[in-house]
N, C-alpha and C. Protein backbone atom coordinates (compact mmCIF):
# COMPACT_ATOMS: atom_id res chain seq x y z
N MET A 1 0.87 -1.10 0.02
CA MET A 1 -0.04 0.08 -0.01
C MET A 1 0.84 1.34 -0.03
N ILE A 2 0.59 2.13 -0.90
CA ILE A 2 1.47 3.44 -0.97
C ILE A 2 0.83 4.38 -0.06
N ARG A 3 -0.45 4.66 0.16
CA ARG A 3 -1.14 5.59 0.70
C ARG A 3 -2.53 5.20 1.10
N SER A 4 -2.95 5.58 2.15
CA SER A 4 -4.52 5.56 2.56
C SER A 4 -5.04 6.81 2.91
N THR A 5 -6.12 7.12 2.24
CA THR A 5 -6.93 8.28 2.31
C THR A 5 -8.46 8.04 2.73
N PRO A 6 -8.90 8.48 3.89
CA PRO A 6 -10.38 8.24 4.22
C PRO A 6 -11.11 9.07 3.38
N ILE A 7 -12.30 8.59 2.67
CA ILE A 7 -13.23 9.29 1.99
C ILE A 7 -14.65 9.04 2.58
N ASN A 8 -15.20 10.25 2.79
CA ASN A 8 -16.62 10.13 3.36
C ASN A 8 -17.61 10.92 2.34
N VAL A 9 -18.63 10.26 1.94
CA VAL A 9 -19.71 11.10 1.17
C VAL A 9 -21.14 10.60 1.86
N GLU A 10 -22.04 11.50 1.56
CA GLU A 10 -23.41 11.35 2.03
C GLU A 10 -24.38 11.57 1.01
N ALA A 11 -25.40 11.13 1.13
CA ALA A 11 -26.64 11.18 0.41
C ALA A 11 -27.76 11.60 1.24
N VAL A 12 -28.29 12.80 1.04
CA VAL A 12 -29.18 13.34 2.19
C VAL A 12 -30.59 13.53 1.32
N PHE A 13 -31.50 13.14 1.96
CA PHE A 13 -33.04 13.24 1.54
C PHE A 13 -33.76 14.16 2.29
N GLU A 14 -34.11 15.37 1.61
CA GLU A 14 -34.83 16.48 2.29
C GLU A 14 -36.16 16.65 1.60
N ASN A 15 -37.24 16.63 2.31
CA ASN A 15 -38.48 17.10 1.83
C ASN A 15 -39.23 17.68 2.87
N TYR A 16 -39.85 18.87 2.57
CA TYR A 16 -40.66 19.71 3.65
C TYR A 16 -41.97 19.93 3.08
N ALA A 17 -42.98 19.52 3.82
CA ALA A 17 -44.34 19.86 3.54
C ALA A 17 -45.22 20.10 4.68
N SER A 18 -46.08 21.05 4.74
CA SER A 18 -46.80 21.28 5.92
C SER A 18 -48.27 21.50 5.47
N THR A 19 -49.02 21.59 6.50
CA THR A 19 -50.38 21.97 6.60
C THR A 19 -50.67 22.82 7.55
N TYR A 20 -51.85 23.57 7.42
CA TYR A 20 -52.27 24.56 8.37
C TYR A 20 -53.71 24.65 8.60
N THR A 21 -54.10 25.36 9.71
CA THR A 21 -55.45 25.54 10.01
C THR A 21 -55.43 27.09 10.37
N GLY A 22 -56.60 27.77 9.96
CA GLY A 22 -56.63 29.31 10.33
C GLY A 22 -56.43 30.16 9.15
N ASP A 23 -55.93 31.28 9.38
CA ASP A 23 -55.92 32.52 8.38
C ASP A 23 -54.58 32.28 7.64
N ARG A 24 -54.58 31.90 6.46
CA ARG A 24 -53.30 31.73 5.75
C ARG A 24 -52.47 33.01 5.46
N ARG A 25 -53.06 34.22 5.63
CA ARG A 25 -52.38 35.29 5.51
C ARG A 25 -51.41 35.70 6.83
N ALA A 26 -51.70 35.08 7.85
CA ALA A 26 -50.78 35.00 8.97
C ALA A 26 -49.60 34.37 8.64
N LEU A 27 -49.33 33.57 7.82
CA LEU A 27 -48.13 32.82 7.50
C LEU A 27 -47.14 33.70 6.72
N SER A 28 -45.87 33.30 6.81
CA SER A 28 -44.84 34.16 6.19
C SER A 28 -44.72 33.48 4.76
N SER A 29 -44.19 34.27 3.83
CA SER A 29 -44.10 33.67 2.53
C SER A 29 -43.40 32.15 2.54
N TYR A 30 -42.36 32.02 3.27
CA TYR A 30 -41.69 30.90 3.45
C TYR A 30 -42.60 29.87 3.90
N SER A 31 -43.42 29.97 4.98
CA SER A 31 -44.46 29.12 5.40
C SER A 31 -45.41 28.70 4.33
N ARG A 32 -45.96 29.68 3.74
CA ARG A 32 -46.85 29.44 2.61
C ARG A 32 -46.37 28.53 1.52
N ASN A 33 -45.19 28.75 1.10
CA ASN A 33 -44.54 27.96 0.18
C ASN A 33 -44.28 26.45 0.64
N LYS A 34 -44.06 26.21 1.79
CA LYS A 34 -44.01 25.04 2.44
C LYS A 34 -45.42 24.26 2.37
N CYS A 35 -46.53 25.05 2.61
CA CYS A 35 -47.86 24.45 2.70
C CYS A 35 -48.24 24.13 1.27
N ASP A 36 -47.71 24.74 0.26
CA ASP A 36 -47.99 24.38 -1.11
C ASP A 36 -47.34 23.10 -1.50
N ALA A 37 -46.35 22.77 -0.80
CA ALA A 37 -45.39 21.61 -1.30
C ALA A 37 -46.23 20.31 -0.77
N GLN A 38 -46.08 19.27 -1.66
CA GLN A 38 -46.64 17.99 -1.31
C GLN A 38 -45.44 17.00 -0.88
N PRO A 39 -45.71 16.22 0.21
CA PRO A 39 -44.78 15.12 0.64
C PRO A 39 -44.38 14.24 -0.55
N ILE A 40 -43.19 13.74 -0.60
CA ILE A 40 -42.83 12.81 -1.60
C ILE A 40 -42.37 11.59 -0.83
N PRO A 41 -42.30 10.47 -1.43
CA PRO A 41 -41.94 9.23 -0.72
C PRO A 41 -40.44 9.05 -0.54
N PHE A 42 -40.01 8.58 0.64
CA PHE A 42 -38.57 8.40 0.76
C PHE A 42 -37.89 7.50 -0.30
N PRO A 43 -36.80 7.89 -0.84
CA PRO A 43 -36.19 7.00 -1.97
C PRO A 43 -35.65 5.82 -1.51
N HIS A 44 -35.49 4.96 -2.55
CA HIS A 44 -35.05 3.63 -2.10
C HIS A 44 -33.58 3.60 -1.80
N ASP A 45 -33.19 2.54 -1.18
CA ASP A 45 -31.78 2.59 -0.76
C ASP A 45 -30.85 2.67 -2.01
N ASP A 46 -31.27 2.03 -2.94
CA ASP A 46 -30.37 2.03 -4.25
C ASP A 46 -30.32 3.41 -4.85
N GLU A 47 -31.17 4.14 -4.83
CA GLU A 47 -31.19 5.53 -5.40
C GLU A 47 -30.28 6.30 -4.38
N LEU A 48 -30.36 6.17 -3.21
CA LEU A 48 -29.41 6.90 -2.30
C LEU A 48 -27.96 6.51 -2.59
N LEU A 49 -27.82 5.27 -2.67
CA LEU A 49 -26.45 4.66 -2.84
C LEU A 49 -25.87 5.23 -4.24
N MET A 50 -26.70 5.37 -5.29
CA MET A 50 -26.23 6.02 -6.59
C MET A 50 -25.75 7.34 -6.53
N GLU A 51 -26.65 8.09 -5.58
CA GLU A 51 -26.35 9.52 -5.33
C GLU A 51 -25.07 9.68 -4.64
N ALA A 52 -24.70 8.89 -3.81
CA ALA A 52 -23.49 8.88 -3.11
C ALA A 52 -22.33 8.42 -3.93
N ALA A 53 -22.56 7.46 -4.87
CA ALA A 53 -21.43 7.09 -5.75
C ALA A 53 -21.12 8.26 -6.44
N GLU A 54 -22.11 9.04 -7.13
CA GLU A 54 -21.96 9.94 -8.10
C GLU A 54 -21.13 11.02 -7.24
N GLU A 55 -21.23 11.20 -6.16
CA GLU A 55 -20.39 12.28 -5.36
C GLU A 55 -19.05 11.77 -5.07
N MET A 56 -18.83 10.51 -5.06
CA MET A 56 -17.60 9.88 -4.63
C MET A 56 -16.69 9.97 -5.96
N LYS A 57 -17.19 9.72 -7.17
CA LYS A 57 -16.50 9.71 -8.46
C LYS A 57 -15.30 10.72 -8.52
N PRO A 58 -15.54 12.08 -8.46
CA PRO A 58 -14.59 12.94 -8.45
C PRO A 58 -13.54 12.90 -7.46
N ILE A 59 -13.86 12.41 -6.37
CA ILE A 59 -13.06 12.46 -5.25
C ILE A 59 -12.03 11.31 -5.49
N VAL A 60 -12.61 10.17 -5.80
CA VAL A 60 -11.68 8.89 -6.15
C VAL A 60 -10.86 9.39 -7.29
N LYS A 61 -11.36 9.98 -8.44
CA LYS A 61 -10.53 10.23 -9.52
C LYS A 61 -9.48 11.28 -9.10
N GLU A 62 -9.72 12.12 -8.36
CA GLU A 62 -8.50 13.10 -7.91
C GLU A 62 -7.53 12.36 -6.98
N GLU A 63 -7.80 11.57 -6.29
CA GLU A 63 -6.92 10.65 -5.38
C GLU A 63 -6.11 9.76 -6.38
N ILE A 64 -6.82 9.02 -7.43
CA ILE A 64 -5.82 8.30 -8.31
C ILE A 64 -4.92 9.11 -8.90
N LEU A 65 -5.31 10.16 -9.40
CA LEU A 65 -4.47 11.25 -10.24
C LEU A 65 -3.31 11.55 -9.52
N TYR A 66 -3.56 11.96 -8.10
CA TYR A 66 -2.63 12.50 -7.03
C TYR A 66 -1.62 11.36 -7.00
N THR A 67 -2.07 10.17 -6.79
CA THR A 67 -1.13 9.08 -6.54
C THR A 67 -0.26 8.70 -7.53
N LYS A 68 -0.76 8.89 -8.82
CA LYS A 68 0.19 8.84 -9.99
C LYS A 68 1.30 9.87 -10.09
N LEU A 69 0.98 11.01 -9.45
CA LEU A 69 1.94 12.07 -9.56
C LEU A 69 3.06 11.94 -8.62
N ILE A 70 2.88 11.11 -7.56
CA ILE A 70 3.82 10.82 -6.51
C ILE A 70 4.98 10.02 -6.92
């Protein structure tokens, strides 16, 4: 082994949706936008894994190129 470099990537799922009761005019524009959004289903594990793999590709490529330069 020439070198060891820890690599860490994350795939983060975020979805914000809200409901309200009462006077909609009392909400901020940010809150109103969240009320207009619909919840979406949590992605499957393989989708999150593929997203993390896409984030990892340039990191691994850079490490390989750096190792060749040494």
